[in-house]
């Protein structure tokens, strides 16, 4: 099977798996070890006010912990509008929690599978977009804000994250999906000061084809850069250098790389590092400091077991004290 078909088959399997996560049994479990949780795109908020960790991701649910080792959940924390473009039961992907101006914001991708916005190469494109919800508490409930949409309805967008620049302007950074444009991009658009909507037009930061490390085969078996952009997350080194981790594929291996802005701003130009930054079959990472101040990378492993895709959250030590992000050994939380 050619790699392009493998990638599509993998994404189809992902879609089916994520769909199964939208309506799980709501039974809340307690003291669940991190490696016993099945979760894609894990994002962790260390909240100093409540002295708790809150983990979100794909599926629209929330886990809570006091020590990163044992978790309680999952809890439903979103209250979307069934009359909005999302429909009554949207799929929810890649949620992140961001504290900002004394509130908490839920950045996520919502998909309404009942609405098709395009067909590309015989493949139906569903209504999928990044959106932001808000709450007064880290554990929700998270509800819609002013704007009905943040990005054009004609574009499938995903994996939105927040970045606030040196001028204190907030931005939504996200992926424009390869399923429609055939060469995924990572883009930015300015947010309103209270994050309740977007301002102006989006700008492309870089394309999937800019990556020197991601690979796939075309229809003729020729080697080329992979078309997938996934999971952007921004950071700044201690020297002030602006970087971004993001994920793609090396043939059928899920892999995470890093890029740095030559200008130190979102405008770039973005220079891709030659080699991936994490081990194979890990990706969609984000960075956070523990309540004790230790920098960690949260991401999920990605593998197929008996035809079923398994994703498990993992933590790795990380270091931003120099001019580059350095990923260390796996981090095993203590009691």
Protein backbone atom coordinates (compact mmCIF):
# COMPACT_ATOMS: atom_id res chain seq x y z
CA UNK A 1 0.00 0.00 0.00
CA UNK A 2 1.40 3.40 -0.89
CA UNK A 3 2.21 5.80 1.92
CA UNK A 4 -0.39 8.34 0.86
CA UNK A 5 -3.04 5.68 1.24
CA UNK A 6 -1.54 4.59 4.54
CA UNK A 7 -1.75 8.13 5.86
CA UNK A 8 -5.35 8.49 4.75
CA UNK A 9 -6.24 5.10 6.21
CA UNK A 10 -4.60 6.17 9.46
CA UNK A 11 -6.57 9.38 9.57
CA UNK A 12 -9.78 7.51 8.79
CA UNK A 13 -9.06 5.22 11.72
CA UNK A 14 -8.31 8.25 13.89
CA UNK A 15 -11.63 9.78 12.86
CA UNK A 16 -13.51 6.64 13.80
CA UNK A 17 -11.65 6.37 17.10
CA UNK A 18 -12.29 10.00 18.00
CA UNK A 19 -15.94 9.65 17.09
CA UNK A 20 -16.21 6.82 19.57
CA UNK A 21 -14.79 9.15 22.23
CA UNK A 22 -17.45 11.81 21.81
CA UNK A 23 -20.08 9.90 23.81
CA UNK A 24 -18.20 7.73 26.29
CA UNK A 25 -19.77 6.43 29.44
CA UNK A 26 -19.67 9.30 31.93
CA UNK A 27 -18.53 7.15 34.84
CA UNK A 28 -15.92 9.08 36.80
CA UNK A 29 -12.96 7.02 37.96
CA UNK A 30 -10.53 7.92 40.72
CA UNK A 31 -6.79 7.42 41.18
CA UNK A 32 -6.19 6.37 37.60
CA UNK A 33 -2.47 6.16 36.66
CA UNK A 34 -1.47 8.41 33.79
CA UNK A 35 -0.35 5.48 31.63
CA UNK A 36 -3.75 3.82 32.05
CA UNK A 37 -5.56 6.76 30.43
CA UNK A 38 -6.32 6.56 26.70
CA UNK A 39 -6.20 10.13 25.41
CA UNK A 40 -5.09 11.89 22.23
CA UNK A 41 -3.44 15.32 22.22
CA UNK A 42 -3.02 15.64 26.02
CA UNK A 43 -2.71 19.23 27.22
CA UNK A 44 -2.10 19.97 30.90
CA UNK A 45 -2.84 23.14 32.84
CA UNK A 46 -1.03 23.53 36.17
CA UNK A 47 -3.32 25.88 38.07
CA UNK A 48 -1.69 27.60 41.03
CA UNK A 49 -4.94 28.96 42.45
CA UNK A 50 -6.47 25.51 42.96
CA UNK A 51 -3.10 23.68 43.23
CA UNK A 52 -4.41 21.16 40.72
CA UNK A 53 -3.52 19.81 37.30
CA UNK A 54 -6.20 19.72 34.61
CA UNK A 55 -5.70 17.56 31.53
CA UNK A 56 -7.73 17.94 28.37
CA UNK A 57 -7.31 16.66 24.84
CA UNK A 58 -9.48 14.95 22.27
CA UNK A 59 -12.94 13.81 23.29
CA UNK A 60 -14.18 16.93 25.09
CA UNK A 61 -13.48 15.60 28.59
CA UNK A 62 -11.32 16.65 31.54
CA UNK A 63 -9.07 14.84 34.02
CA UNK A 64 -7.88 16.25 37.38
CA UNK A 65 -4.82 15.46 39.49
CA UNK A 66 -2.86 16.78 42.45
CA UNK A 67 0.42 15.10 41.58
CA UNK A 68 0.41 14.23 37.82
CA UNK A 69 0.60 10.52 38.74
CA UNK A 70 -3.00 9.67 39.68
CA UNK A 71 -5.99 11.22 37.96
CA UNK A 72 -9.74 11.52 38.49
CA UNK A 73 -12.14 11.67 35.57
CA UNK A 74 -13.25 11.99 32.94
CA UNK A 75 -15.54 14.98 33.48
CA UNK A 76 -17.66 16.68 30.83
CA UNK A 77 -16.82 20.40 30.88
CA UNK A 78 -18.19 21.91 27.65
CA UNK A 79 -21.64 23.37 27.04
CA UNK A 80 -21.83 24.07 23.31
CA UNK A 81 -24.85 25.62 21.60
CA UNK A 82 -26.81 22.92 19.71
CA UNK A 83 -28.22 25.63 17.42
CA UNK A 84 -24.76 26.80 16.36
CA UNK A 85 -22.77 25.53 13.40
CA UNK A 86 -21.39 22.77 15.62
CA UNK A 87 -24.74 21.00 15.83
CA UNK A 88 -26.11 19.09 18.84
CA UNK A 89 -23.19 16.69 19.35
CA UNK A 90 -19.92 17.91 17.86
CA UNK A 91 -16.73 15.89 17.88
CA UNK A 92 -14.13 17.70 19.99
CA UNK A 93 -10.42 17.42 19.21
CA UNK A 94 -7.19 18.71 20.75
CA UNK A 95 -8.60 20.87 23.55
CA UNK A 96 -6.25 23.15 25.50
CA UNK A 97 -6.89 25.25 28.63
CA UNK A 98 -5.37 28.73 28.82
CA UNK A 99 -5.66 31.14 31.77
CA UNK A 100 -5.95 34.71 30.50
CA UNK A 101 -7.09 37.93 32.18
CA UNK A 102 -8.61 36.18 35.21
CA UNK A 103 -10.64 33.70 33.16
CA UNK A 104 -10.00 30.28 31.62
CA UNK A 105 -10.28 29.63 27.90
CA UNK A 106 -10.93 26.34 26.13
CA UNK A 107 -9.28 26.23 22.71
CA UNK A 108 -10.48 23.23 20.73
CA UNK A 109 -11.48 21.85 17.33
CA UNK A 110 -15.16 21.12 16.81
CA UNK A 111 -16.54 18.97 13.98
CA UNK A 112 -20.11 18.75 12.75
CA UNK A 113 -20.11 15.56 10.71
CA UNK A 114 -23.60 16.25 9.39
CA UNK A 115 -22.38 19.26 7.38
CA UNK A 116 -20.09 18.93 4.35
CA UNK A 117 -18.34 22.05 3.10
CA UNK A 118 -16.36 20.64 0.16
CA UNK A 119 -15.28 17.57 -1.76
CA UNK A 120 -11.62 17.21 -2.74
CA UNK A 121 -10.37 14.28 -4.83
CA UNK A 122 -13.57 12.41 -4.04
CA UNK A 123 -13.18 12.93 -0.28
CA UNK A 124 -15.94 14.76 1.61
CA UNK A 125 -14.71 17.63 3.81
CA UNK A 126 -16.75 18.01 6.99
CA UNK A 127 -17.48 21.27 8.80
CA UNK A 128 -14.57 21.49 11.21
CA UNK A 129 -13.08 24.56 12.86
CA UNK A 130 -11.15 25.95 15.80
CA UNK A 131 -13.26 27.72 18.40
CA UNK A 132 -12.85 29.18 21.90
CA UNK A 133 -15.05 28.73 24.98
CA UNK A 134 -14.74 30.49 28.34
CA UNK A 135 -15.21 29.76 32.05
CA UNK A 136 -14.55 31.39 35.40
CA UNK A 137 -13.07 28.12 36.71
CA UNK A 138 -10.47 25.73 35.29
CA UNK A 139 -12.87 22.79 35.49
CA UNK A 140 -15.64 24.64 33.68
CA UNK A 141 -18.31 24.67 32.55
CA UNK A 142 -16.93 26.21 29.33
CA UNK A 143 -19.47 28.11 27.25
CA UNK A 144 -19.44 29.98 23.91
CA UNK A 145 -18.58 33.66 23.72
CA UNK A 146 -19.62 36.48 21.40
CA UNK A 147 -18.55 35.41 17.92
CA UNK A 148 -20.42 32.53 16.28
CA UNK A 149 -17.32 31.62 14.25
CA UNK A 150 -13.61 32.34 14.57
CA UNK A 151 -12.47 31.17 11.13
CA UNK A 152 -14.12 30.95 7.69
CA UNK A 153 -16.78 28.25 7.35
CA UNK A 154 -15.31 27.21 4.00
CA UNK A 155 -12.02 26.03 5.59
CA UNK A 156 -11.40 22.91 7.71
CA UNK A 157 -9.17 24.14 10.55
CA UNK A 158 -7.90 22.39 13.64
CA UNK A 159 -5.55 22.31 16.65
CA UNK A 160 -5.84 25.96 17.62
CA UNK A 161 -3.57 27.32 20.35
CA UNK A 162 -3.03 30.69 22.03
CA UNK A 163 0.00 32.94 21.73
CA UNK A 164 0.32 36.40 23.29
CA UNK A 165 3.10 38.45 21.68
CA UNK A 166 5.47 41.03 23.16
CA UNK A 167 2.88 43.76 22.53
CA UNK A 168 0.31 41.75 24.52
CA UNK A 169 -1.72 41.01 21.39
CA UNK A 170 -3.36 37.57 21.53
CA UNK A 171 -3.32 35.31 18.47
CA UNK A 172 -4.96 32.07 17.46
CA UNK A 173 -2.38 29.81 15.81
CA UNK A 174 -3.87 26.81 14.02
CA UNK A 175 -3.63 24.32 11.16
CA UNK A 176 -5.46 24.65 7.86
CA UNK A 177 -6.07 21.00 7.10
CA UNK A 178 -4.33 19.19 4.26
CA UNK A 179 -7.54 17.37 3.33
CA UNK A 180 -8.66 20.49 1.47
CA UNK A 181 -5.49 22.40 0.54
CA UNK A 182 -3.38 19.23 -0.02
CA UNK A 183 -0.39 20.91 1.66
CA UNK A 184 -1.30 21.68 5.25
CA UNK A 185 -0.38 25.06 6.67
CA UNK A 186 0.10 26.59 10.09
CA UNK A 187 -1.47 30.03 10.26
CA UNK A 188 -2.15 32.89 12.65
CA UNK A 189 -5.03 35.29 13.14
CA UNK A 190 -5.34 38.05 15.73
CA UNK A 191 -7.87 37.60 18.51
CA UNK A 192 -9.98 40.28 20.16
CA UNK A 193 -8.51 41.49 23.49
CA UNK A 194 -10.97 39.32 25.45
CA UNK A 195 -10.54 36.35 23.04
CA UNK A 196 -14.25 36.53 22.14
CA UNK A 197 -13.58 36.50 18.39
CA UNK A 198 -11.00 37.14 15.70
CA UNK A 199 -9.76 40.32 14.02
CA UNK A 200 -8.77 40.72 10.38
CA UNK A 201 -7.50 37.96 8.13
CA UNK A 202 -5.28 34.97 8.73
CA UNK A 203 -1.67 34.72 7.53
CA UNK A 204 0.33 31.62 6.65
CA UNK A 205 3.37 30.99 8.88
CA UNK A 206 4.65 27.92 7.04
CA UNK A 207 3.54 24.91 5.00
CA UNK A 208 3.90 21.19 5.57
CA UNK A 209 6.19 20.99 2.56
CA UNK A 210 8.70 23.28 4.34
CA UNK A 211 9.65 20.42 6.66
CA UNK A 212 13.02 18.75 5.96
CA UNK A 213 12.22 15.72 8.15
CA UNK A 214 8.64 14.66 7.32
CA UNK A 215 8.29 12.25 4.41
CA UNK A 216 5.72 10.43 2.30
CA UNK A 217 5.44 8.83 -1.13
CA UNK A 218 3.44 10.35 -3.97
CA UNK A 219 1.24 8.38 -6.39
CA UNK A 220 4.32 7.36 -8.39
CA UNK A 221 6.32 6.22 -5.39
CA UNK A 222 8.55 9.28 -5.32
CA UNK A 223 9.77 10.63 -1.98
CA UNK A 224 8.49 14.06 -0.89
CA UNK A 225 7.65 16.06 2.26
CA UNK A 226 4.53 14.95 4.08
CA UNK A 227 1.38 17.05 3.63
CA UNK A 228 0.18 16.99 7.26
CA UNK A 229 0.46 19.84 9.78
CA UNK A 230 -0.74 18.98 13.28
CA UNK A 231 -0.59 20.25 16.84
CA UNK A 232 1.28 23.60 16.85
CA UNK A 233 2.43 24.87 20.24
CA UNK A 234 4.55 27.98 20.80
CA UNK A 235 7.26 28.65 23.36
CA UNK A 236 10.07 31.08 24.10
CA UNK A 237 13.57 30.15 25.21
CA UNK A 238 15.36 31.90 28.05
CA UNK A 239 17.37 33.80 25.45
CA UNK A 240 14.10 35.14 23.97
CA UNK A 241 14.00 32.93 20.89
CA UNK A 242 10.48 32.10 19.65
CA UNK A 243 9.88 28.48 18.70
CA UNK A 244 7.07 26.16 17.75
CA UNK A 245 6.68 22.41 18.10
CA UNK A 246 4.40 20.73 15.57
CA UNK A 247 3.69 17.22 14.33
CA UNK A 248 3.57 15.39 11.00
CA UNK A 249 4.57 11.95 9.71
CA UNK A 250 7.68 10.18 8.47
CA UNK A 251 5.90 7.72 6.16
CA UNK A 252 3.63 5.89 8.64
CA UNK A 253 5.43 7.10 11.80
CA UNK A 254 3.86 9.93 13.82
CA UNK A 255 6.68 12.42 14.54
CA UNK A 256 7.20 15.83 16.14
CA UNK A 257 9.55 18.55 14.93
CA UNK A 258 10.39 22.13 15.86
CA UNK A 259 10.76 25.44 14.03
CA UNK A 260 12.20 28.79 15.15
CA UNK A 261 11.25 32.30 14.07
CA UNK A 262 14.21 34.18 12.61
CA UNK A 263 12.60 37.51 13.57
CA UNK A 264 11.49 36.48 17.05
CA UNK A 265 7.86 37.18 16.12
CA UNK A 266 4.99 35.15 14.71
CA UNK A 267 5.66 36.70 11.30
CA UNK A 268 8.84 34.62 11.01
CA UNK A 269 10.34 33.58 8.68
CA UNK A 270 10.11 30.16 10.33
CA UNK A 271 13.19 27.99 10.01
CA UNK A 272 12.63 24.26 10.40
CA UNK A 273 15.11 22.17 12.35
CA UNK A 274 16.57 19.34 10.30
CA UNK A 275 15.73 16.50 12.67
CA UNK A 276 12.67 15.61 14.79
CA UNK A 277 12.76 16.66 18.42
CA UNK A 278 11.07 13.65 20.04
CA UNK A 279 11.23 9.86 19.63
CA UNK A 280 9.28 8.13 16.83
CA UNK A 281 5.56 7.51 17.34
CA UNK A 282 5.18 10.44 19.75
CA UNK A 283 3.57 13.75 18.91
CA UNK A 284 1.07 16.58 19.40
CA UNK A 285 3.00 18.02 22.31
CA UNK A 286 2.68 21.03 24.59
CA UNK A 287 4.86 22.52 27.34
CA UNK A 288 3.94 23.41 30.90
CA UNK A 289 5.60 24.06 34.24
CA UNK A 290 4.68 21.87 37.19
CA UNK A 291 3.41 23.51 40.37
CA UNK A 292 7.00 23.21 41.62
CA UNK A 293 8.35 24.98 38.51
CA UNK A 294 9.76 22.06 36.50
CA UNK A 295 9.30 22.30 32.71
CA UNK A 296 7.65 19.27 31.11
CA UNK A 297 6.50 18.22 27.65
CA UNK A 298 3.13 16.48 27.45
CA UNK A 299 2.36 14.42 24.33
CA UNK A 300 0.86 11.09 23.33
CA UNK A 301 2.36 7.92 21.96
CA UNK A 302 0.80 6.69 18.75
CA UNK A 303 0.70 3.02 17.73
CA UNK A 304 -1.55 0.40 16.22
CA UNK A 305 -2.38 -2.68 18.32
CA UNK A 306 -4.39 -5.42 16.64
CA UNK A 307 -5.77 -2.95 14.13
CA UNK A 308 -6.79 -0.40 16.78
CA UNK A 309 -5.00 2.89 17.26
CA UNK A 310 -3.85 3.41 20.84
CA UNK A 311 -2.87 6.80 22.26
CA UNK A 312 -1.48 7.20 25.77
CA UNK A 313 -0.37 10.46 27.47
CA UNK A 314 3.32 10.76 28.34
CA UNK A 315 5.49 13.31 30.09
CA UNK A 316 9.11 14.18 29.21
CA UNK A 317 11.54 16.52 30.88
CA UNK A 318 12.26 19.68 28.88
CA UNK A 319 14.75 22.55 29.03
CA UNK A 320 14.50 26.08 27.64
CA UNK A 321 17.46 27.56 29.50
CA UNK A 322 19.57 27.92 26.33
CA UNK A 323 18.85 28.98 22.78
CA UNK A 324 16.86 25.86 21.85
CA UNK A 325 14.24 23.56 23.28
CA UNK A 326 15.93 20.39 24.57
CA UNK A 327 13.84 17.31 25.33
CA UNK A 328 15.17 15.03 28.07
CA UNK A 329 14.20 11.70 29.55
CA UNK A 330 10.67 10.47 30.32
CA UNK A 331 9.30 12.02 33.48
CA UNK A 332 7.74 9.67 36.02
CA UNK A 333 5.63 11.59 38.57
CA UNK A 334 6.17 10.85 42.24
CA UNK A 335 3.37 10.38 44.76
